[in-house]
Amino acid sequence: LVNDADAMRALAGQVAARLHAGDVIV
């Protein structure tokens, strides 16, 4: 559960740490 914009950006940062070239997020 993401309650606010800061939490959404933090979640995105966690996802970014796992990305590789060519990955797609929908």
ModelCIF file with pLDDT and N, C-alpha, C, O atoms, coordinates in Angstrom:
data_MODEL
#
_entry.id   MODEL 
#
_entity.id                         1 
_entity.type                       polymer 
_entity.pdbx_number_of_molecules   1 
#
_entity_poly.entity_id                      1 
_entity_poly.type                           'polypeptide(L)' 
_entity_poly.nstd_linkage                   no 
_entity_poly.nstd_monomer                   no 
_entity_poly.pdbx_seq_one_letter_code       LVNDADAMRALAGQVAARLHAGDVIV 
_entity_poly.pdbx_seq_one_letter_code_can   LVNDADAMRALAGQVAARLHAGDVIV 
_entity_poly.pdbx_strand_id                 A 
#
loop_
_entity_poly_seq.entity_id 
_entity_poly_seq.num 
_entity_poly_seq.mon_id 
_entity_poly_seq.hetero 
1 1  LEU n 
1 2  VAL n 
1 3  ASN n 
1 4  ASP n 
1 5  ALA n 
1 6  ASP n 
1 7  ALA n 
1 8  MET n 
1 9  ARG n 
1 10 ALA n 
1 11 LEU n 
1 12 ALA n 
1 13 GLY n 
1 14 GLN n 
1 15 VAL n 
1 16 ALA n 
1 17 ALA n 
1 18 ARG n 
1 19 LEU n 
1 20 HIS n 
1 21 ALA n 
1 22 GLY n 
1 23 ASP n 
1 24 VAL n 
1 25 ILE n 
1 26 VAL n 
#
_struct_asym.id          A 
_struct_asym.entity_id   1 
#
loop_
_ma_qa_metric.id 
_ma_qa_metric.mode 
_ma_qa_metric.name 
_ma_qa_metric.software_group_id 
_ma_qa_metric.type 
1 global pLDDT . pLDDT 
2 local  pLDDT . pLDDT 
#
_ma_qa_metric_global.metric_id      1 
_ma_qa_metric_global.metric_value   91.92 
_ma_qa_metric_global.model_id       1 
_ma_qa_metric_global.ordinal_id     1 
#
loop_
_ma_qa_metric_local.label_asym_id 
_ma_qa_metric_local.label_comp_id 
_ma_qa_metric_local.label_seq_id 
_ma_qa_metric_local.metric_id 
_ma_qa_metric_local.metric_value 
_ma_qa_metric_local.model_id 
_ma_qa_metric_local.ordinal_id 
A LEU 1  2 78.00 1 1  
A VAL 2  2 88.00 1 2  
A ASN 3  2 90.00 1 3  
A ASP 4  2 94.00 1 4  
A ALA 5  2 94.00 1 5  
A ASP 6  2 95.00 1 6  
A ALA 7  2 95.00 1 7  
A MET 8  2 95.00 1 8  
A ARG 9  2 95.00 1 9  
A ALA 10 2 95.00 1 10 
A LEU 11 2 96.00 1 11 
A ALA 12 2 96.00 1 12 
A GLY 13 2 95.00 1 13 
A GLN 14 2 96.00 1 14 
A VAL 15 2 96.00 1 15 
A ALA 16 2 94.00 1 16 
A ALA 17 2 95.00 1 17 
A ARG 18 2 95.00 1 18 
A LEU 19 2 93.00 1 19 
A HIS 20 2 92.00 1 20 
A ALA 21 2 88.00 1 21 
A GLY 22 2 86.00 1 22 
A ASP 23 2 89.00 1 23 
A VAL 24 2 86.00 1 24 
A ILE 25 2 88.00 1 25 
A VAL 26 2 86.00 1 26 
#
loop_
_atom_site.group_PDB 
_atom_site.id 
_atom_site.type_symbol 
_atom_site.label_atom_id 
_atom_site.label_alt_id 
_atom_site.label_comp_id 
_atom_site.label_asym_id 
_atom_site.label_entity_id 
_atom_site.label_seq_id 
_atom_site.pdbx_PDB_ins_code 
_atom_site.Cartn_x 
_atom_site.Cartn_y 
_atom_site.Cartn_z 
_atom_site.occupancy 
_atom_site.B_iso_or_equiv 
_atom_site.pdbx_formal_charge 
_atom_site.auth_seq_id 
_atom_site.auth_comp_id 
_atom_site.auth_asym_id 
_atom_site.auth_atom_id 
_atom_site.pdbx_PDB_model_num 
ATOM 1   N N  . LEU A 1 1  ? 0.844  -1.186 0.000   1.00 78.00 ? 1  LEU A N  1 
ATOM 2   C CA . LEU A 1 1  ? 0.000  0.000  0.000   1.00 78.00 ? 1  LEU A CA 1 
ATOM 3   C C  . LEU A 1 1  ? 0.882  1.239  0.000   1.00 78.00 ? 1  LEU A C  1 
ATOM 4   O O  . LEU A 1 1  ? 1.801  1.365  0.809   1.00 78.00 ? 1  LEU A O  1 
ATOM 5   N N  . VAL A 1 2  ? 0.589  2.145  -0.912  1.00 88.00 ? 2  VAL A N  1 
ATOM 6   C CA . VAL A 1 2  ? 1.337  3.399  -1.026  1.00 88.00 ? 2  VAL A CA 1 
ATOM 7   C C  . VAL A 1 2  ? 0.372  4.528  -0.705  1.00 88.00 ? 2  VAL A C  1 
ATOM 8   O O  . VAL A 1 2  ? -0.624 4.717  -1.403  1.00 88.00 ? 2  VAL A O  1 
ATOM 9   N N  . ASN A 1 3  ? 0.666  5.282  0.355   1.00 90.00 ? 3  ASN A N  1 
ATOM 10  C CA . ASN A 1 3  ? -0.285 6.280  0.844   1.00 90.00 ? 3  ASN A CA 1 
ATOM 11  C C  . ASN A 1 3  ? -0.072 7.697  0.337   1.00 90.00 ? 3  ASN A C  1 
ATOM 12  O O  . ASN A 1 3  ? -0.989 8.516  0.411   1.00 90.00 ? 3  ASN A O  1 
ATOM 13  N N  . ASP A 1 4  ? 1.116  8.010  -0.178  1.00 94.00 ? 4  ASP A N  1 
ATOM 14  C CA . ASP A 1 4  ? 1.353  9.382  -0.622  1.00 94.00 ? 4  ASP A CA 1 
ATOM 15  C C  . ASP A 1 4  ? 2.442  9.414  -1.690  1.00 94.00 ? 4  ASP A C  1 
ATOM 16  O O  . ASP A 1 4  ? 3.053  8.392  -2.002  1.00 94.00 ? 4  ASP A O  1 
ATOM 17  N N  . ALA A 1 5  ? 2.674  10.601 -2.246  1.00 94.00 ? 5  ALA A N  1 
ATOM 18  C CA . ALA A 1 5  ? 3.625  10.753 -3.346  1.00 94.00 ? 5  ALA A CA 1 
ATOM 19  C C  . ALA A 1 5  ? 5.042  10.373 -2.937  1.00 94.00 ? 5  ALA A C  1 
ATOM 20  O O  . ALA A 1 5  ? 5.767  9.769  -3.728  1.00 94.00 ? 5  ALA A O  1 
ATOM 21  N N  . ASP A 1 6  ? 5.451  10.713 -1.721  1.00 95.00 ? 6  ASP A N  1 
ATOM 22  C CA . ASP A 1 6  ? 6.800  10.352 -1.273  1.00 95.00 ? 6  ASP A CA 1 
ATOM 23  C C  . ASP A 1 6  ? 6.967  8.837  -1.211  1.00 95.00 ? 6  ASP A C  1 
ATOM 24  O O  . ASP A 1 6  ? 8.013  8.311  -1.590  1.00 95.00 ? 6  ASP A O  1 
ATOM 25  N N  . ALA A 1 7  ? 5.945  8.137  -0.736  1.00 95.00 ? 7  ALA A N  1 
ATOM 26  C CA . ALA A 1 7  ? 6.002  6.676  -0.676  1.00 95.00 ? 7  ALA A CA 1 
ATOM 27  C C  . ALA A 1 7  ? 6.031  6.072  -2.079  1.00 95.00 ? 7  ALA A C  1 
ATOM 28  O O  . ALA A 1 7  ? 6.696  5.062  -2.307  1.00 95.00 ? 7  ALA A O  1 
ATOM 29  N N  . MET A 1 8  ? 5.310  6.691  -3.021  1.00 95.00 ? 8  MET A N  1 
ATOM 30  C CA . MET A 1 8  ? 5.309  6.205  -4.406  1.00 95.00 ? 8  MET A CA 1 
ATOM 31  C C  . MET A 1 8  ? 6.697  6.376  -5.021  1.00 95.00 ? 8  MET A C  1 
ATOM 32  O O  . MET A 1 8  ? 7.195  5.476  -5.698  1.00 95.00 ? 8  MET A O  1 
ATOM 33  N N  . ARG A 1 9  ? 7.316  7.528  -4.787  1.00 95.00 ? 9  ARG A N  1 
ATOM 34  C CA . ARG A 1 9  ? 8.678  7.753  -5.303  1.00 95.00 ? 9  ARG A CA 1 
ATOM 35  C C  . ARG A 1 9  ? 9.674  6.784  -4.665  1.00 95.00 ? 9  ARG A C  1 
ATOM 36  O O  . ARG A 1 9  ? 10.585 6.298  -5.336  1.00 95.00 ? 9  ARG A O  1 
ATOM 37  N N  . ALA A 1 10 ? 9.504  6.502  -3.372  1.00 95.00 ? 10 ALA A N  1 
ATOM 38  C CA . ALA A 1 10 ? 10.381 5.560  -2.681  1.00 95.00 ? 10 ALA A CA 1 
ATOM 39  C C  . ALA A 1 10 ? 10.223 4.149  -3.269  1.00 95.00 ? 10 ALA A C  1 
ATOM 40  O O  . ALA A 1 10 ? 11.211 3.439  -3.462  1.00 95.00 ? 10 ALA A O  1 
ATOM 41  N N  . LEU A 1 11 ? 8.988  3.753  -3.547  1.00 96.00 ? 11 LEU A N  1 
ATOM 42  C CA . LEU A 1 11 ? 8.741  2.458  -4.168  1.00 96.00 ? 11 LEU A CA 1 
ATOM 43  C C  . LEU A 1 11 ? 9.432  2.386  -5.531  1.00 96.00 ? 11 LEU A C  1 
ATOM 44  O O  . LEU A 1 11 ? 10.062 1.382  -5.865  1.00 96.00 ? 11 LEU A O  1 
ATOM 45  N N  . ALA A 1 12 ? 9.310  3.449  -6.304  1.00 96.00 ? 12 ALA A N  1 
ATOM 46  C CA . ALA A 1 12 ? 9.950  3.499  -7.623  1.00 96.00 ? 12 ALA A CA 1 
ATOM 47  C C  . ALA A 1 12 ? 11.470 3.372  -7.487  1.00 96.00 ? 12 ALA A C  1 
ATOM 48  O O  . ALA A 1 12 ? 12.116 2.725  -8.312  1.00 96.00 ? 12 ALA A O  1 
ATOM 49  N N  . GLY A 1 13 ? 12.033 3.981  -6.460  1.00 95.00 ? 13 GLY A N  1 
ATOM 50  C CA . GLY A 1 13 ? 13.467 3.859  -6.229  1.00 95.00 ? 13 GLY A CA 1 
ATOM 51  C C  . GLY A 1 13 ? 13.874 2.430  -5.944  1.00 95.00 ? 13 GLY A C  1 
ATOM 52  O O  . GLY A 1 13 ? 14.932 1.986  -6.391  1.00 95.00 ? 13 GLY A O  1 
ATOM 53  N N  . GLN A 1 14 ? 13.053 1.703  -5.207  1.00 96.00 ? 14 GLN A N  1 
ATOM 54  C CA . GLN A 1 14 ? 13.328 0.290  -4.926  1.00 96.00 ? 14 GLN A CA 1 
ATOM 55  C C  . GLN A 1 14 ? 13.267 -0.536 -6.210  1.00 96.00 ? 14 GLN A C  1 
ATOM 56  O O  . GLN A 1 14 ? 14.078 -1.438 -6.418  1.00 96.00 ? 14 GLN A O  1 
ATOM 57  N N  . VAL A 1 15 ? 12.302 -0.221 -7.061  1.00 96.00 ? 15 VAL A N  1 
ATOM 58  C CA . VAL A 1 15 ? 12.178 -0.926 -8.341  1.00 96.00 ? 15 VAL A CA 1 
ATOM 59  C C  . VAL A 1 15 ? 13.379 -0.597 -9.230  1.00 96.00 ? 15 VAL A C  1 
ATOM 60  O O  . VAL A 1 15 ? 13.931 -1.487 -9.877  1.00 96.00 ? 15 VAL A O  1 
ATOM 61  N N  . ALA A 1 16 ? 13.781 0.661  -9.266  1.00 94.00 ? 16 ALA A N  1 
ATOM 62  C CA . ALA A 1 16 ? 14.900 1.089  -10.109 1.00 94.00 ? 16 ALA A CA 1 
ATOM 63  C C  . ALA A 1 16 ? 16.172 0.316  -9.782  1.00 94.00 ? 16 ALA A C  1 
ATOM 64  O O  . ALA A 1 16 ? 16.962 0.008  -10.675 1.00 94.00 ? 16 ALA A O  1 
ATOM 65  N N  . ALA A 1 17 ? 16.369 0.008  -8.524  1.00 95.00 ? 17 ALA A N  1 
ATOM 66  C CA . ALA A 1 17 ? 17.580 -0.707 -8.104  1.00 95.00 ? 17 ALA A CA 1 
ATOM 67  C C  . ALA A 1 17 ? 17.645 -2.119 -8.683  1.00 95.00 ? 17 ALA A C  1 
ATOM 68  O O  . ALA A 1 17 ? 18.706 -2.743 -8.687  1.00 95.00 ? 17 ALA A O  1 
ATOM 69  N N  . ARG A 1 18 ? 16.511 -2.620 -9.173  1.00 95.00 ? 18 ARG A N  1 
ATOM 70  C CA . ARG A 1 18 ? 16.456 -3.982 -9.710  1.00 95.00 ? 18 ARG A CA 1 
ATOM 71  C C  . ARG A 1 18 ? 16.397 -4.028 -11.239 1.00 95.00 ? 18 ARG A C  1 
ATOM 72  O O  . ARG A 1 18 ? 16.351 -5.113 -11.819 1.00 95.00 ? 18 ARG A O  1 
ATOM 73  N N  . LEU A 1 19 ? 16.398 -2.880 -11.887 1.00 93.00 ? 19 LEU A N  1 
ATOM 74  C CA . LEU A 1 19 ? 16.216 -2.837 -13.338 1.00 93.00 ? 19 LEU A CA 1 
ATOM 75  C C  . LEU A 1 19 ? 17.504 -3.103 -14.105 1.00 93.00 ? 19 LEU A C  1 
ATOM 76  O O  . LEU A 1 19 ? 18.611 -2.833 -13.641 1.00 93.00 ? 19 LEU A O  1 
ATOM 77  N N  . HIS A 1 20 ? 17.301 -3.648 -15.305 1.00 92.00 ? 20 HIS A N  1 
ATOM 78  C CA . HIS A 1 20 ? 18.385 -3.879 -16.260 1.00 92.00 ? 20 HIS A CA 1 
ATOM 79  C C  . HIS A 1 20 ? 17.957 -3.275 -17.592 1.00 92.00 ? 20 HIS A C  1 
ATOM 80  O O  . HIS A 1 20 ? 16.766 -3.080 -17.833 1.00 92.00 ? 20 HIS A O  1 
ATOM 81  N N  . ALA A 1 21 ? 18.914 -2.982 -18.448 1.00 88.00 ? 21 ALA A N  1 
ATOM 82  C CA . ALA A 1 21 ? 18.607 -2.445 -19.772 1.00 88.00 ? 21 ALA A CA 1 
ATOM 83  C C  . ALA A 1 21 ? 17.605 -3.355 -20.477 1.00 88.00 ? 21 ALA A C  1 
ATOM 84  O O  . ALA A 1 21 ? 17.774 -4.574 -20.506 1.00 88.00 ? 21 ALA A O  1 
ATOM 85  N N  . GLY A 1 22 ? 16.571 -2.756 -21.037 1.00 86.00 ? 22 GLY A N  1 
ATOM 86  C CA . GLY A 1 22 ? 15.554 -3.498 -21.772 1.00 86.00 ? 22 GLY A CA 1 
ATOM 87  C C  . GLY A 1 22 ? 14.343 -3.898 -20.952 1.00 86.00 ? 22 GLY A C  1 
ATOM 88  O O  . GLY A 1 22 ? 13.348 -4.359 -21.511 1.00 86.00 ? 22 GLY A O  1 
ATOM 89  N N  . ASP A 1 23 ? 14.405 -3.733 -19.640 1.00 89.00 ? 23 ASP A N  1 
ATOM 90  C CA . ASP A 1 23 ? 13.248 -4.060 -18.805 1.00 89.00 ? 23 ASP A CA 1 
ATOM 91  C C  . ASP A 1 23 ? 12.091 -3.117 -19.115 1.00 89.00 ? 23 ASP A C  1 
ATOM 92  O O  . ASP A 1 23 ? 12.299 -1.960 -19.480 1.00 89.00 ? 23 ASP A O  1 
ATOM 93  N N  . VAL A 1 24 ? 10.882 -3.621 -18.968 1.00 86.00 ? 24 VAL A N  1 
ATOM 94  C CA . VAL A 1 24 ? 9.669  -2.842 -19.216 1.00 86.00 ? 24 VAL A CA 1 
ATOM 95  C C  . VAL A 1 24 ? 8.808  -2.874 -17.960 1.00 86.00 ? 24 VAL A C  1 
ATOM 96  O O  . VAL A 1 24 ? 8.594  -3.932 -17.369 1.00 86.00 ? 24 VAL A O  1 
ATOM 97  N N  . ILE A 1 25 ? 8.323  -1.715 -17.564 1.00 88.00 ? 25 ILE A N  1 
ATOM 98  C CA . ILE A 1 25 ? 7.388  -1.605 -16.449 1.00 88.00 ? 25 ILE A CA 1 
ATOM 99  C C  . ILE A 1 25 ? 6.090  -1.051 -17.019 1.00 88.00 ? 25 ILE A C  1 
ATOM 100 O O  . ILE A 1 25 ? 6.108  -0.049 -17.734 1.00 88.00 ? 25 ILE A O  1 
ATOM 101 N N  . VAL A 1 26 ? 4.983  -1.682 -16.718 1.00 86.00 ? 26 VAL A N  1 
ATOM 102 C CA . VAL A 1 26 ? 3.676  -1.219 -17.174 1.00 86.00 ? 26 VAL A CA 1 
ATOM 103 C C  . VAL A 1 26 ? 2.870  -0.815 -15.954 1.00 86.00 ? 26 VAL A C  1 
ATOM 104 O O  . VAL A 1 26 ? 1.723  -0.388 -16.086 1.00 86.00 ? 26 VAL A O  1 
#
